[in-house]
Amino acid sequence: MIVQSVWQKSFDFLPCKPIVVEPIDASLTSDAGLLPIRELDERLGLTAQFIAALEDPRCARCIGHTFAEMTRMRIYGILADYEDQNDHDTLRSDPVFKLLAGRGPNDDDLASQPTLSRFENAISVKSLFRLRDVLIDQFIASFATPPKRLTLDIDTFDDPTHGHQQLTFFHGYYDQHQYLPRAITCAENDLVLAICLLHGSSHAAMGADDDVEYVVHRLREAWPGVRIEVRGDSGFGVPAMYAVCERLDLQYTFGLTMNATLKKLSEPLLNHVQTQYEQTGQPQRSFCDFWYQAGSWPAQRRVVIKVEVHAQGTNRRAIVTNRAGVFVLPGAVYDAYVDRGESENRNKELKTGLAADRLSDHRYMANLFRLYLHTAAYNLLVRLRRLVADPPAVPQSEPELPLESRSLPQKRRYFNQRRLRDPLGEGHACTWQTRLIKVAARIRETARRVVVELSGCWPYLDHYAAVSDAVLAFTVSVPPPPG
């Protein structure tokens, strides 16, 4: 530290003595919790596979910052709530980010914001197609044994834009200029296995049938016998989606917009439920199911309508499905569809928790690559979350029933207990940032090692130790890079 830069600030709010603040000549960081995450990443090979998919067009002799360094800068910055390139003008000197990128804490600084901008804009279409396969490869590798059944949820979320990005348009439903990202997630392990970026005024289902077909083809190459169910809201209840699911022998359940015909067919049930509500004063819910053929459908399909009456009024919702159980338990099939609300929580984590709605490059292709960076950060967090999860045992009062089949109060009690016992396994990105990632540390480099010193009075030190132990005990054979 230069002598002229040393200063002191004195605060007098403590009655007994002044509080003096001064800088010291030491390597300090506020994000030491990223280190165990980087260790897990190294063992899984997630960012290594991501990086291997990128084609670097630069002259090798002129490279000062590799694609590997810049990819890890961005992915780990996203995990630590640094959502934009601009943040890295400061982080490029941070000793932990240098370690994450493969440099020593006293080595030269990492890439600046202009360099990162050029990096994101240099990604080719060929690299983006490779990244599509990387997500699926990593999803397949996440299963220790071939699954017998998979549930794929497809959904979109809005990404408001505030500049002149390519292919952003005004969307009437969201009442804003935007992009429209679309994700396919797996209900069994929460991973995103496909992501795309639609133009701002696109219909949610545009090209979704092609995405589903490609994903299913890749999954059945790995697991020929797997049974796959696809779920989506009414935005995906279109003939093209029904057709691709039926052609590929997929089970499906999609929301269906209520119309005059469906209202007429469910009117007798509505009147019956209203009468029950008036007699008992208790909320009522019932279901009806029947064959139905819309004008754009080539054949009849099975439709379930839920009818609710409560103090707030009446509520009718419809789904279309080819699940065999609909003929016996239409209510159970509808409730299984409602469980896709968890996928909306996953999209919320991706959008707000990890800032996937911060697609502020000018070029569309650069923004699509940004979306892949945010998705990679999310999937890395999901893998870590599942590794350290320690949920309480399910109560044995009804051992024959799985948790998903129990009453809503029972499920609520269980999940409240889990949040107390297992905050990281159940935690969103903000929980991980508070309880693990955002921790100050002093870093010293000696001739033989790099020492990271944490405060012994940090309240979440036990989390850091537990996560580190789980990561260090985890072993996996890293699959070779794709291609």
Protein backbone atom coordinates (compact mmCIF):
# COMPACT_ATOMS: atom_id res chain seq x y z
CA MET A 1 0.00 0.00 0.00
CA ILE A 2 1.29 3.45 -0.91
CA VAL A 3 1.82 5.62 2.16
CA GLN A 4 -0.11 8.53 0.63
CA SER A 5 -3.21 6.30 0.26
CA VAL A 6 -3.44 5.45 3.98
CA TRP A 7 -6.30 7.20 5.70
CA GLN A 8 -8.35 6.94 8.89
CA LYS A 9 -12.00 7.67 9.57
CA SER A 10 -13.14 8.13 13.15
CA PHE A 11 -16.73 7.55 14.35
CA ASP A 12 -17.88 8.79 17.76
CA PHE A 13 -21.21 7.02 18.38
CA LEU A 14 -19.62 4.65 20.96
CA PRO A 15 -19.58 6.54 24.29
CA CYS A 16 -16.42 5.04 25.77
CA LYS A 17 -13.95 5.43 22.86
CA PRO A 18 -13.80 6.38 19.17
CA ILE A 19 -14.05 3.81 16.39
CA VAL A 20 -11.24 4.19 13.85
CA VAL A 21 -11.49 2.74 10.34
CA GLU A 22 -8.41 2.41 8.16
CA PRO A 23 -7.34 0.36 5.11
CA ILE A 24 -4.77 -2.40 5.42
CA ASP A 25 -2.40 -3.94 2.91
CA ALA A 26 -4.00 -7.39 2.59
CA SER A 27 -5.79 -9.51 -0.02
CA LEU A 28 -9.42 -9.56 1.10
CA THR A 29 -12.59 -10.87 -0.52
CA SER A 30 -16.29 -10.87 0.26
CA ASP A 31 -17.12 -14.05 -1.71
CA ALA A 32 -15.03 -16.86 -0.20
CA GLY A 33 -18.08 -19.16 -0.21
CA LEU A 34 -17.60 -19.69 -3.95
CA LEU A 35 -14.56 -21.91 -3.31
CA PRO A 36 -16.40 -25.14 -2.35
CA ILE A 37 -18.75 -24.57 -5.29
CA ARG A 38 -15.72 -24.34 -7.58
CA GLU A 39 -14.43 -27.63 -6.12
CA LEU A 40 -17.73 -29.37 -6.89
CA ASP A 41 -17.69 -27.91 -10.37
CA GLU A 42 -14.18 -29.31 -10.89
CA ARG A 43 -15.32 -32.77 -9.82
CA LEU A 44 -18.44 -32.69 -11.99
CA GLY A 45 -16.76 -31.02 -14.95
CA LEU A 46 -19.78 -28.75 -15.58
CA THR A 47 -18.02 -25.56 -16.64
CA ALA A 48 -15.28 -27.61 -18.33
CA GLN A 49 -17.86 -29.15 -20.65
CA PHE A 50 -19.49 -25.76 -21.15
CA ILE A 51 -16.16 -24.21 -22.13
CA ALA A 52 -15.27 -27.10 -24.44
CA ALA A 53 -18.37 -26.31 -26.50
CA LEU A 54 -17.17 -22.77 -27.28
CA GLU A 55 -15.27 -22.00 -30.44
CA ASP A 56 -12.61 -19.30 -29.87
CA PRO A 57 -11.96 -17.39 -33.12
CA ARG A 58 -9.05 -15.36 -31.71
CA CYS A 59 -5.39 -15.74 -32.57
CA ALA A 60 -3.83 -17.95 -29.89
CA ARG A 61 -0.67 -15.81 -29.67
CA CYS A 62 -2.68 -12.68 -28.85
CA ILE A 63 -4.89 -14.10 -26.10
CA GLY A 64 -4.55 -12.47 -22.69
CA HIS A 65 -7.81 -13.79 -21.21
CA THR A 66 -9.03 -17.24 -22.17
CA PHE A 67 -12.64 -18.22 -22.75
CA ALA A 68 -12.29 -20.55 -19.74
CA GLU A 69 -11.37 -17.67 -17.44
CA MET A 70 -14.14 -15.41 -18.72
CA THR A 71 -16.79 -18.14 -18.61
CA ARG A 72 -16.01 -18.89 -14.98
CA MET A 73 -15.88 -15.19 -14.14
CA ARG A 74 -19.41 -14.76 -15.44
CA ILE A 75 -20.92 -17.98 -14.06
CA TYR A 76 -19.52 -17.49 -10.57
CA GLY A 77 -20.32 -13.80 -10.67
CA ILE A 78 -23.95 -14.71 -11.36
CA LEU A 79 -23.97 -17.12 -8.42
CA ALA A 80 -22.63 -14.36 -6.15
CA ASP A 81 -25.29 -11.86 -7.31
CA TYR A 82 -23.06 -9.94 -9.73
CA GLU A 83 -25.47 -10.04 -12.61
CA ASP A 84 -23.75 -7.84 -15.16
CA GLN A 85 -20.41 -7.43 -16.93
CA ASN A 86 -19.92 -4.04 -15.30
CA ASP A 87 -19.44 -5.67 -11.90
CA HIS A 88 -16.28 -7.37 -13.13
CA ASP A 89 -14.40 -4.11 -13.55
CA THR A 90 -14.04 -4.37 -9.77
CA LEU A 91 -14.10 -8.16 -9.41
CA ARG A 92 -11.23 -8.59 -11.85
CA SER A 93 -8.87 -7.74 -8.97
CA ASP A 94 -10.66 -9.92 -6.40
CA PRO A 95 -8.34 -12.72 -5.17
CA VAL A 96 -11.13 -15.31 -5.01
CA PHE A 97 -12.26 -14.65 -8.57
CA LYS A 98 -8.66 -15.02 -9.69
CA LEU A 99 -8.55 -18.41 -7.93
CA LEU A 100 -11.84 -19.43 -9.53
CA ALA A 101 -10.46 -18.58 -12.95
CA GLY A 102 -7.25 -20.54 -12.36
CA ARG A 103 -4.89 -17.68 -11.47
CA GLY A 104 -2.99 -16.99 -8.27
CA PRO A 105 -4.31 -14.24 -5.97
CA ASN A 106 -1.27 -12.05 -6.80
CA ASP A 107 -1.34 -12.67 -10.57
CA ASP A 108 -2.46 -10.14 -13.16
CA ASP A 109 -6.05 -8.93 -13.10
CA LEU A 110 -8.81 -10.74 -14.94
CA ALA A 111 -10.82 -9.49 -17.93
CA SER A 112 -12.46 -6.07 -17.86
CA GLN A 113 -16.02 -5.25 -18.89
CA PRO A 114 -15.15 -4.41 -22.53
CA THR A 115 -13.27 -7.70 -22.87
CA LEU A 116 -16.21 -9.62 -21.42
CA SER A 117 -18.57 -7.83 -23.81
CA ARG A 118 -16.42 -8.86 -26.77
CA PHE A 119 -16.38 -12.41 -25.38
CA GLU A 120 -20.16 -12.67 -25.23
CA ASN A 121 -20.53 -11.21 -28.71
CA ALA A 122 -17.90 -13.58 -30.17
CA ILE A 123 -19.90 -16.76 -29.49
CA SER A 124 -20.90 -18.42 -32.75
CA VAL A 125 -24.18 -20.11 -33.67
CA LYS A 126 -22.28 -23.40 -33.86
CA SER A 127 -21.19 -22.98 -30.23
CA LEU A 128 -24.77 -22.27 -29.16
CA PHE A 129 -25.95 -25.51 -30.76
CA ARG A 130 -23.19 -27.34 -28.89
CA LEU A 131 -24.33 -25.77 -25.63
CA ARG A 132 -27.81 -27.15 -26.25
CA ASP A 133 -26.30 -30.64 -26.25
CA VAL A 134 -24.13 -29.86 -23.21
CA LEU A 135 -27.24 -29.18 -21.09
CA ILE A 136 -28.77 -32.51 -22.10
CA ASP A 137 -25.46 -34.40 -21.65
CA GLN A 138 -25.11 -33.00 -18.13
CA PHE A 139 -28.74 -33.82 -17.33
CA ILE A 140 -28.23 -37.44 -18.41
CA ALA A 141 -25.01 -37.67 -16.40
CA SER A 142 -26.81 -36.42 -13.27
CA PHE A 143 -28.59 -39.79 -12.87
CA ALA A 144 -26.59 -42.56 -11.21
CA THR A 145 -29.00 -45.16 -12.61
CA PRO A 146 -31.34 -44.92 -15.62
CA PRO A 147 -34.68 -43.42 -14.54
CA LYS A 148 -37.87 -45.32 -15.30
CA ARG A 149 -39.96 -42.17 -15.59
CA LEU A 150 -39.33 -38.46 -16.21
CA THR A 151 -41.65 -35.48 -15.94
CA LEU A 152 -40.67 -32.55 -18.14
CA ASP A 153 -42.23 -29.15 -17.49
CA ILE A 154 -42.12 -26.51 -20.20
CA ASP A 155 -42.74 -22.87 -19.41
CA THR A 156 -41.77 -19.32 -20.31
CA PHE A 157 -40.95 -16.22 -18.29
CA ASP A 158 -40.81 -12.60 -19.33
CA ASP A 159 -37.54 -10.69 -19.63
CA PRO A 160 -38.21 -6.93 -19.82
CA THR A 161 -35.76 -4.96 -21.92
CA HIS A 162 -34.88 -1.29 -21.69
CA GLY A 163 -32.63 -0.59 -24.65
CA HIS A 164 -32.32 -1.43 -28.33
CA GLN A 165 -31.64 -5.14 -28.13
CA GLN A 166 -32.25 -7.14 -31.28
CA LEU A 167 -35.61 -8.98 -31.50
CA THR A 168 -37.16 -7.30 -28.48
CA PHE A 169 -40.76 -6.32 -29.16
CA PHE A 170 -43.79 -5.15 -27.25
CA HIS A 171 -45.85 -7.96 -25.72
CA GLY A 172 -49.48 -7.05 -25.10
CA TYR A 173 -50.05 -9.52 -22.25
CA TYR A 174 -47.01 -8.38 -20.25
CA ASP A 175 -47.45 -4.74 -21.36
CA GLN A 176 -43.74 -4.19 -21.97
CA HIS A 177 -40.89 -4.54 -24.44
CA GLN A 178 -39.18 -7.84 -23.73
CA TYR A 179 -37.61 -11.16 -24.63
CA LEU A 180 -39.45 -14.38 -23.83
CA PRO A 181 -37.09 -17.14 -22.53
CA ARG A 182 -38.48 -20.68 -22.46
CA ALA A 183 -37.14 -23.50 -20.29
CA ILE A 184 -37.70 -27.25 -20.08
CA THR A 185 -37.08 -28.46 -16.54
CA CYS A 186 -37.21 -31.90 -14.94
CA ALA A 187 -39.56 -32.32 -11.98
CA GLU A 188 -37.47 -35.19 -10.62
CA ASN A 189 -34.23 -33.24 -10.08
CA ASP A 190 -35.01 -29.55 -10.88
CA LEU A 191 -32.34 -29.27 -13.59
CA VAL A 192 -32.89 -27.21 -16.73
CA LEU A 193 -32.23 -29.45 -19.72
CA ALA A 194 -33.22 -27.07 -22.51
CA ILE A 195 -33.37 -23.29 -22.82
CA CYS A 196 -34.22 -20.97 -25.67
CA LEU A 197 -34.78 -17.25 -26.19
CA LEU A 198 -37.90 -16.25 -28.11
CA HIS A 199 -38.43 -12.82 -29.60
CA GLY A 200 -40.45 -10.42 -27.51
CA SER A 201 -43.90 -10.85 -29.08
CA SER A 202 -43.62 -14.59 -29.74
CA HIS A 203 -46.28 -17.12 -28.81
CA ALA A 204 -45.05 -19.27 -25.92
CA ALA A 205 -45.41 -22.48 -27.95
CA MET A 206 -43.51 -21.29 -31.04
CA GLY A 207 -41.07 -24.09 -31.89
CA ALA A 208 -41.79 -25.90 -28.60
CA ASP A 209 -42.76 -29.08 -30.45
CA ASP A 210 -39.33 -29.17 -32.11
CA ASP A 211 -37.60 -28.61 -28.76
CA VAL A 212 -39.58 -31.42 -27.12
CA GLU A 213 -38.85 -33.80 -30.00
CA TYR A 214 -35.11 -33.09 -29.87
CA VAL A 215 -34.92 -33.51 -26.09
CA VAL A 216 -36.95 -36.74 -26.14
CA HIS A 217 -34.79 -38.14 -28.96
CA ARG A 218 -31.62 -37.48 -26.94
CA LEU A 219 -33.10 -38.93 -23.73
CA ARG A 220 -34.30 -42.11 -25.43
CA GLU A 221 -30.90 -42.58 -27.03
CA ALA A 222 -29.52 -42.82 -23.49
CA TRP A 223 -32.52 -44.55 -21.86
CA PRO A 224 -34.64 -46.40 -24.46
CA GLY A 225 -37.23 -47.60 -21.94
CA VAL A 226 -37.88 -44.35 -20.08
CA ARG A 227 -41.47 -43.14 -19.84
CA ILE A 228 -41.77 -39.39 -20.32
CA GLU A 229 -44.58 -37.05 -19.34
CA VAL A 230 -44.78 -33.46 -20.58
CA ARG A 231 -46.70 -30.75 -18.73
CA GLY A 232 -47.40 -27.15 -19.65
CA ASP A 233 -49.91 -24.38 -19.06
CA SER A 234 -52.57 -23.28 -21.53
CA GLY A 235 -49.96 -21.40 -23.58
CA PHE A 236 -48.75 -24.83 -24.71
CA GLY A 237 -52.22 -26.33 -25.17
CA VAL A 238 -52.02 -26.13 -28.97
CA PRO A 239 -52.46 -28.82 -31.67
CA ALA A 240 -48.75 -28.98 -32.52
CA MET A 241 -47.88 -29.95 -28.94
CA TYR A 242 -50.60 -32.62 -28.76
CA ALA A 243 -49.46 -34.02 -32.10
CA VAL A 244 -45.77 -34.32 -31.20
CA CYS A 245 -46.56 -35.94 -27.84
CA GLU A 246 -48.91 -38.47 -29.42
CA ARG A 247 -46.47 -39.26 -32.23
CA LEU A 248 -43.60 -39.81 -29.77
CA ASP A 249 -45.77 -41.82 -27.34
CA LEU A 250 -45.45 -39.26 -24.55
CA GLN A 251 -47.93 -38.74 -21.78
CA TYR A 252 -49.04 -35.13 -21.65
CA THR A 253 -51.17 -32.76 -19.63
CA PHE A 254 -51.70 -29.20 -20.84
CA GLY A 255 -53.87 -26.39 -19.61
CA LEU A 256 -56.88 -25.59 -21.79
CA THR A 257 -58.48 -22.18 -22.02
CA MET A 258 -62.13 -22.22 -20.98
CA ASN A 259 -64.59 -21.43 -23.78
CA ALA A 260 -68.37 -21.34 -24.19
CA THR A 261 -68.61 -25.05 -25.03
CA LEU A 262 -66.56 -26.15 -22.03
CA LYS A 263 -68.55 -23.85 -19.75
CA LYS A 264 -71.81 -25.33 -21.04
CA LEU A 265 -70.58 -28.92 -20.55
CA SER A 266 -69.50 -28.19 -16.97
CA GLU A 267 -72.56 -26.13 -16.03
CA PRO A 268 -74.45 -29.02 -14.32
CA LEU A 269 -71.44 -29.75 -12.10
CA LEU A 270 -71.08 -26.06 -11.24
CA ASN A 271 -74.73 -25.89 -10.17
CA HIS A 272 -74.33 -29.02 -8.04
CA VAL A 273 -71.20 -27.70 -6.33
CA GLN A 274 -72.84 -24.31 -5.69
CA THR A 275 -75.75 -26.06 -4.01
CA GLN A 276 -73.38 -28.03 -1.77
CA TYR A 277 -71.57 -24.83 -0.80
CA GLU A 278 -74.82 -23.07 0.08
CA GLN A 279 -75.91 -26.04 2.22
CA THR A 280 -72.64 -26.57 4.07
CA GLY A 281 -70.92 -23.18 3.99
CA GLN A 282 -67.66 -25.07 3.31
CA PRO A 283 -65.47 -24.63 0.20
CA GLN A 284 -66.30 -27.23 -2.43
CA ARG A 285 -64.27 -28.75 -5.24
CA SER A 286 -65.26 -31.36 -7.80
CA PHE A 287 -64.25 -32.65 -11.25
CA CYS A 288 -65.83 -33.81 -14.46
CA ASP A 289 -64.19 -35.37 -17.49
CA PHE A 290 -65.40 -36.09 -21.02
CA TRP A 291 -64.31 -36.44 -24.63
CA TYR A 292 -64.02 -33.13 -26.43
CA GLN A 293 -62.92 -32.03 -29.89
CA ALA A 294 -62.08 -28.41 -30.64
CA GLY A 295 -62.47 -27.15 -34.18
CA SER A 296 -58.72 -27.28 -34.84
CA TRP A 297 -58.32 -30.85 -33.51
CA PRO A 298 -58.39 -33.85 -35.88
CA ALA A 299 -59.82 -36.12 -33.16
CA GLN A 300 -61.37 -36.12 -29.71
CA ARG A 301 -59.20 -35.79 -26.63
CA ARG A 302 -59.94 -36.25 -22.94
CA VAL A 303 -60.64 -33.06 -20.99
CA VAL A 304 -60.89 -32.61 -17.22
CA ILE A 305 -62.59 -29.58 -15.68
CA LYS A 306 -62.11 -28.58 -12.07
CA VAL A 307 -64.99 -26.68 -10.48
CA GLU A 308 -64.47 -24.80 -7.22
CA VAL A 309 -66.88 -22.72 -5.16
CA HIS A 310 -65.74 -20.79 -2.08
CA ALA A 311 -66.18 -17.45 -0.36
CA GLN A 312 -64.30 -15.65 -3.15
CA GLY A 313 -66.67 -17.00 -5.83
CA THR A 314 -66.48 -19.72 -8.46
CA ASN A 315 -63.46 -21.00 -10.36
CA ARG A 316 -63.32 -23.35 -13.34
CA ARG A 317 -60.11 -24.65 -14.91
CA ALA A 318 -59.63 -27.18 -17.71
CA ILE A 319 -56.82 -29.50 -18.81
CA VAL A 320 -56.42 -31.83 -21.78
CA THR A 321 -54.56 -35.08 -21.21
CA ASN A 322 -53.88 -38.56 -22.55
CA ARG A 323 -53.02 -40.09 -19.17
CA ALA A 324 -54.83 -43.39 -18.65
CA GLY A 325 -55.67 -42.58 -15.04
CA VAL A 326 -58.02 -39.81 -16.12
CA PHE A 327 -60.81 -42.35 -16.62
CA VAL A 328 -60.59 -43.49 -12.99
CA LEU A 329 -59.26 -40.50 -10.98
CA PRO A 330 -59.65 -37.26 -12.95
CA GLY A 331 -59.02 -35.24 -9.79
CA ALA A 332 -55.67 -36.95 -9.19
CA VAL A 333 -54.64 -36.30 -12.79
CA TYR A 334 -55.55 -32.64 -12.37
CA ASP A 335 -53.62 -32.38 -9.09
CA ALA A 336 -50.59 -33.95 -10.75
CA TYR A 337 -50.83 -31.21 -13.38
CA VAL A 338 -51.02 -28.55 -10.66
CA ASP A 339 -47.72 -29.86 -9.27
CA ARG A 340 -46.06 -28.26 -12.30
CA GLY A 341 -46.26 -25.08 -10.25
CA GLU A 342 -42.91 -26.18 -8.81
CA SER A 343 -41.38 -25.66 -12.26
CA GLU A 344 -42.60 -22.08 -12.11
CA ASN A 345 -40.65 -21.73 -8.86
CA ARG A 346 -37.56 -23.02 -10.68
CA ASN A 347 -38.09 -20.43 -13.42
CA LYS A 348 -38.50 -17.79 -10.73
CA GLU A 349 -35.15 -18.82 -9.24
CA LEU A 350 -33.52 -18.60 -12.64
CA LYS A 351 -35.12 -15.27 -13.52
CA THR A 352 -34.97 -13.34 -10.25
CA GLY A 353 -32.61 -15.29 -8.00
CA LEU A 354 -29.89 -15.56 -10.65
CA ALA A 355 -30.91 -12.55 -12.78
CA ALA A 356 -31.59 -14.40 -16.04
CA ASP A 357 -33.74 -11.41 -16.99
CA ARG A 358 -30.61 -9.27 -17.30
CA LEU A 359 -30.06 -9.80 -21.03
CA SER A 360 -28.71 -6.37 -21.90
CA ASP A 361 -26.33 -7.04 -24.79
CA HIS A 362 -27.35 -5.52 -28.11
CA ARG A 363 -27.06 -8.65 -30.25
CA TYR A 364 -29.65 -11.41 -29.92
CA MET A 365 -27.02 -14.17 -30.12
CA ALA A 366 -25.00 -12.59 -27.31
CA ASN A 367 -28.12 -12.47 -25.15
CA LEU A 368 -28.88 -16.12 -25.90
CA PHE A 369 -25.35 -16.96 -24.76
CA ARG A 370 -25.95 -14.92 -21.60
CA LEU A 371 -29.05 -17.01 -20.97
CA TYR A 372 -26.89 -20.15 -21.21
CA LEU A 373 -24.45 -18.65 -18.67
CA HIS A 374 -27.26 -18.00 -16.21
CA THR A 375 -28.65 -21.50 -16.81
CA ALA A 376 -25.23 -23.05 -16.18
CA ALA A 377 -24.99 -21.13 -12.88
CA TYR A 378 -28.47 -22.33 -11.91
CA ASN A 379 -27.73 -25.99 -12.73
CA LEU A 380 -24.50 -25.83 -10.74
CA LEU A 381 -26.45 -24.52 -7.74
CA VAL A 382 -29.05 -27.27 -8.14
CA ARG A 383 -26.37 -29.98 -8.17
CA LEU A 384 -24.81 -28.53 -5.01
CA ARG A 385 -28.20 -28.16 -3.34
CA ARG A 386 -29.05 -31.81 -3.97
CA LEU A 387 -25.62 -32.92 -2.76
CA VAL A 388 -25.88 -31.23 0.67
CA ALA A 389 -29.63 -31.72 1.18
CA ASP A 390 -30.51 -33.24 4.56
CA PRO A 391 -34.31 -33.32 4.75
CA PRO A 392 -36.12 -34.67 7.83
CA ALA A 393 -37.79 -38.06 7.61
CA VAL A 394 -41.37 -38.10 6.34
CA PRO A 395 -43.79 -38.73 9.25
CA GLN A 396 -44.83 -42.38 9.43
CA SER A 397 -48.45 -41.83 10.42
CA GLU A 398 -49.48 -43.02 6.96
CA PRO A 399 -46.43 -44.98 5.74
CA GLU A 400 -48.29 -46.34 2.74
CA LEU A 401 -48.74 -42.83 1.28
CA PRO A 402 -45.89 -40.88 -0.32
CA LEU A 403 -45.50 -37.25 0.71
CA GLU A 404 -46.99 -36.03 -2.58
CA SER A 405 -50.25 -37.86 -1.87
CA ARG A 406 -50.80 -36.51 1.63
CA SER A 407 -53.11 -33.69 2.65
CA LEU A 408 -52.09 -30.08 2.14
CA PRO A 409 -51.72 -29.35 5.91
CA GLN A 410 -49.46 -32.41 6.29
CA LYS A 411 -47.27 -31.32 3.40
CA ARG A 412 -47.05 -27.78 4.77
CA ARG A 413 -45.96 -29.00 8.19
CA TYR A 414 -43.29 -31.18 6.62
CA PHE A 415 -41.89 -28.42 4.41
CA ASN A 416 -41.86 -25.97 7.32
CA GLN A 417 -39.79 -28.49 9.29
CA ARG A 418 -37.47 -28.94 6.32
CA ARG A 419 -36.83 -25.21 5.98
CA LEU A 420 -35.69 -25.11 9.60
CA ARG A 421 -33.49 -28.21 9.43
CA ASP A 422 -32.27 -28.03 5.83
CA PRO A 423 -32.02 -24.34 4.81
CA LEU A 424 -29.39 -24.95 2.11
CA GLY A 425 -30.91 -28.07 0.58
CA GLU A 426 -34.19 -26.19 0.35
CA GLY A 427 -32.66 -22.75 -0.16
CA HIS A 428 -32.99 -20.41 -3.11
CA ALA A 429 -30.04 -18.49 -4.51
CA CYS A 430 -30.47 -15.66 -1.99
CA THR A 431 -30.25 -18.17 0.89
CA TRP A 432 -27.02 -19.61 -0.48
CA GLN A 433 -25.59 -16.14 -0.95
CA THR A 434 -26.43 -15.16 2.64
CA ARG A 435 -25.40 -18.39 4.35
CA LEU A 436 -22.41 -19.49 2.27
CA ILE A 437 -21.21 -17.34 -0.61
CA LYS A 438 -21.08 -13.89 0.95
CA VAL A 439 -18.36 -14.37 3.53
CA ALA A 440 -15.33 -12.15 4.03
CA ALA A 441 -11.91 -13.75 4.07
CA ARG A 442 -8.23 -12.84 4.04
CA ILE A 443 -6.13 -14.65 1.46
CA ARG A 444 -2.42 -15.31 1.81
CA GLU A 445 -0.23 -16.99 -0.78
CA THR A 446 2.93 -18.74 0.35
CA ALA A 447 5.48 -20.73 -1.58
CA ARG A 448 3.56 -23.97 -1.04
CA ARG A 449 -0.12 -23.05 -0.70
CA VAL A 450 -2.89 -20.48 -0.75
CA VAL A 451 -4.47 -19.90 2.67
CA VAL A 452 -8.03 -18.55 2.97
CA GLU A 453 -8.77 -17.29 6.49
CA LEU A 454 -12.39 -17.00 7.64
CA SER A 455 -13.66 -15.33 10.78
CA GLY A 456 -14.18 -17.79 13.62
CA CYS A 457 -17.25 -15.87 14.81
CA TRP A 458 -19.06 -15.93 11.44
CA PRO A 459 -22.55 -17.29 12.32
CA TYR A 460 -22.72 -19.62 9.30
CA LEU A 461 -19.29 -21.19 9.67
CA ASP A 462 -20.94 -24.57 10.29
CA HIS A 463 -22.64 -24.34 6.87
CA TYR A 464 -19.29 -23.69 5.21
CA ALA A 465 -17.73 -26.70 6.92
CA ALA A 466 -20.69 -28.99 6.11
CA VAL A 467 -20.81 -27.99 2.45
CA SER A 468 -17.05 -28.36 2.10
CA ASP A 469 -17.15 -31.82 3.70
CA ALA A 470 -19.94 -32.93 1.36
CA VAL A 471 -18.07 -31.68 -1.70
CA LEU A 472 -14.75 -33.24 -0.67
CA ALA A 473 -16.47 -36.58 -0.02
CA PHE A 474 -18.14 -36.53 -3.43
CA THR A 475 -16.48 -38.47 -6.21
CA VAL A 476 -17.58 -38.85 -9.81
CA SER A 477 -15.92 -39.82 -13.04
CA VAL A 478 -15.93 -36.68 -15.15
CA PRO A 479 -17.42 -37.43 -18.60
CA PRO A 480 -15.36 -36.34 -21.59
CA PRO A 481 -16.24 -32.99 -23.19
CA PRO A 482 -18.92 -33.27 -25.92
CA GLY A 483 -17.80 -33.58 -29.51
